């Protein structure tokens, strides 16, 4: 069971990546990869090449992109959709997901972070 590698979309706080890395997970940001300003399809292509699951606050576009891709029989490494509800809550939920789900499980999956308990 391979650990999830994260790619944080540009709307996610960059300091979250440091907290995730300190806990032993591989994570990068659009800023680290010099991908700021790229459109969603380009971000997905980059994440797919890197084998990274995208963490985003973009609840408007990524769920729709997920279903469009599946309808075209295209694949993606997975999307985690989060709400902007504070660093601590987001981190706790994310760590629960990362400890419970493998990279293989995330293939072509859409996960809402709000479904993961923060306790």
Protein backbone atom coordinates (compact mmCIF):
# COMPACT_ATOMS: atom_id res chain seq x y z
CA UNK A 1 0.00 0.00 0.00
CA UNK A 2 1.74 3.14 -1.26
CA UNK A 3 1.37 6.40 0.64
CA UNK A 4 -0.46 9.22 -1.05
CA UNK A 5 1.75 11.94 -2.50
CA UNK A 6 0.04 15.32 -2.36
CA UNK A 7 0.05 18.19 -4.79
CA UNK A 8 -1.56 21.28 -3.23
CA UNK A 9 -3.47 23.48 -5.63
CA UNK A 10 -2.63 27.16 -5.54
CA UNK A 11 -5.66 28.04 -3.43
CA UNK A 12 -4.50 25.86 -0.49
CA UNK A 13 -2.30 27.47 2.17
CA UNK A 14 1.33 26.61 1.45
CA UNK A 15 2.20 26.17 5.13
CA UNK A 16 -0.03 23.08 5.14
CA UNK A 17 2.58 21.32 3.00
CA UNK A 18 5.23 21.74 5.72
CA UNK A 19 2.94 20.23 8.36
CA UNK A 20 2.21 17.25 6.12
CA UNK A 21 5.90 16.75 5.29
CA UNK A 22 6.85 16.80 8.98
CA UNK A 23 4.53 13.85 9.44
CA UNK A 24 6.31 11.78 6.81
CA UNK A 25 4.24 12.41 3.71
CA UNK A 26 5.52 13.61 0.37
CA UNK A 27 3.87 16.87 -0.63
CA UNK A 28 4.47 19.78 -2.95
CA UNK A 29 2.65 22.91 -4.06
CA UNK A 30 1.89 24.64 -7.32
CA UNK A 31 4.26 27.38 -6.17
CA UNK A 32 7.09 24.87 -5.53
CA UNK A 33 6.60 23.47 -9.02
CA UNK A 34 6.29 26.89 -10.66
CA UNK A 35 2.77 26.08 -11.83
CA UNK A 36 0.95 29.12 -10.45
CA UNK A 37 -1.70 30.33 -12.84
CA UNK A 38 -2.02 27.11 -14.83
CA UNK A 39 -5.57 26.01 -15.58
CA UNK A 40 -7.16 23.05 -13.85
CA UNK A 41 -6.60 20.58 -16.74
CA UNK A 42 -2.90 21.49 -16.83
CA UNK A 43 -2.66 21.04 -13.06
CA UNK A 44 -4.27 17.61 -13.37
CA UNK A 45 -1.86 16.62 -16.15
CA UNK A 46 1.09 17.67 -14.01
CA UNK A 47 -0.22 15.77 -10.97
CA UNK A 48 -0.85 12.69 -13.10
CA UNK A 49 2.75 12.73 -14.40
CA UNK A 50 4.02 13.01 -10.81
CA UNK A 51 1.56 10.46 -9.41
CA UNK A 52 0.27 13.01 -6.92
CA UNK A 53 -3.23 13.44 -5.54
CA UNK A 54 -4.51 17.01 -5.82
CA UNK A 55 -5.69 18.75 -2.66
CA UNK A 56 -7.83 21.76 -3.53
CA UNK A 57 -10.41 24.15 -2.13
CA UNK A 58 -11.87 24.46 -5.63
CA UNK A 59 -15.20 22.79 -4.93
CA UNK A 60 -16.68 24.41 -8.01
CA UNK A 61 -14.44 22.98 -10.73
CA UNK A 62 -12.71 19.81 -9.55
CA UNK A 63 -15.78 17.64 -8.86
CA UNK A 64 -17.10 18.50 -12.33
CA UNK A 65 -13.66 17.85 -13.85
CA UNK A 66 -13.57 14.48 -12.07
CA UNK A 67 -16.87 13.34 -13.60
CA UNK A 68 -16.02 14.72 -17.04
CA UNK A 69 -12.75 12.79 -17.02
CA UNK A 70 -14.44 9.56 -15.97
CA UNK A 71 -17.05 9.99 -18.71
CA UNK A 72 -14.20 10.29 -21.25
CA UNK A 73 -12.48 7.21 -19.77
CA UNK A 74 -9.55 9.37 -18.67
CA UNK A 75 -7.71 8.80 -15.42
CA UNK A 76 -6.38 10.99 -12.65
CA UNK A 77 -4.45 10.22 -9.44
CA UNK A 78 -7.30 11.48 -7.26
CA UNK A 79 -8.82 14.69 -5.97
CA UNK A 80 -9.29 15.70 -2.35
CA UNK A 81 -11.74 18.56 -2.00
CA UNK A 82 -11.53 20.63 1.18
CA UNK A 83 -13.36 23.63 2.53
CA UNK A 84 -11.51 26.57 3.98
CA UNK A 85 -12.35 25.81 7.59
CA UNK A 86 -9.11 26.56 9.38
CA UNK A 87 -5.62 25.10 9.36
CA UNK A 88 -5.95 22.80 12.38
CA UNK A 89 -9.22 21.21 11.32
CA UNK A 90 -8.02 20.77 7.73
CA UNK A 91 -4.75 19.22 8.85
CA UNK A 92 -6.43 16.81 11.29
CA UNK A 93 -8.91 15.63 8.67
CA UNK A 94 -6.21 15.33 6.04
CA UNK A 95 -3.95 13.28 8.29
CA UNK A 96 -6.85 10.93 9.06
CA UNK A 97 -7.43 10.44 5.32
CA UNK A 98 -3.72 9.97 4.57
CA UNK A 99 -3.43 7.32 7.29
CA UNK A 100 -6.48 5.43 5.99
CA UNK A 101 -6.32 5.56 2.21
CA UNK A 102 -3.58 4.41 -0.15
CA UNK A 103 -2.43 6.00 -3.39
CA UNK A 104 -4.01 3.05 -5.20
CA UNK A 105 -7.34 3.70 -3.46
CA UNK A 106 -7.25 7.33 -4.58
CA UNK A 107 -6.80 6.50 -8.28
CA UNK A 108 -9.72 8.16 -10.10
CA UNK A 109 -11.37 8.92 -6.73
CA UNK A 110 -13.00 12.08 -5.47
CA UNK A 111 -12.81 12.52 -1.68
CA UNK A 112 -14.39 15.30 0.34
CA UNK A 113 -12.27 16.12 3.36
CA UNK A 114 -15.40 17.09 5.29
CA UNK A 115 -16.35 13.38 5.32
CA UNK A 116 -13.30 12.59 7.46
CA UNK A 117 -13.56 13.06 11.23
CA UNK A 118 -11.07 15.40 12.82
CA UNK A 119 -10.78 13.50 16.11
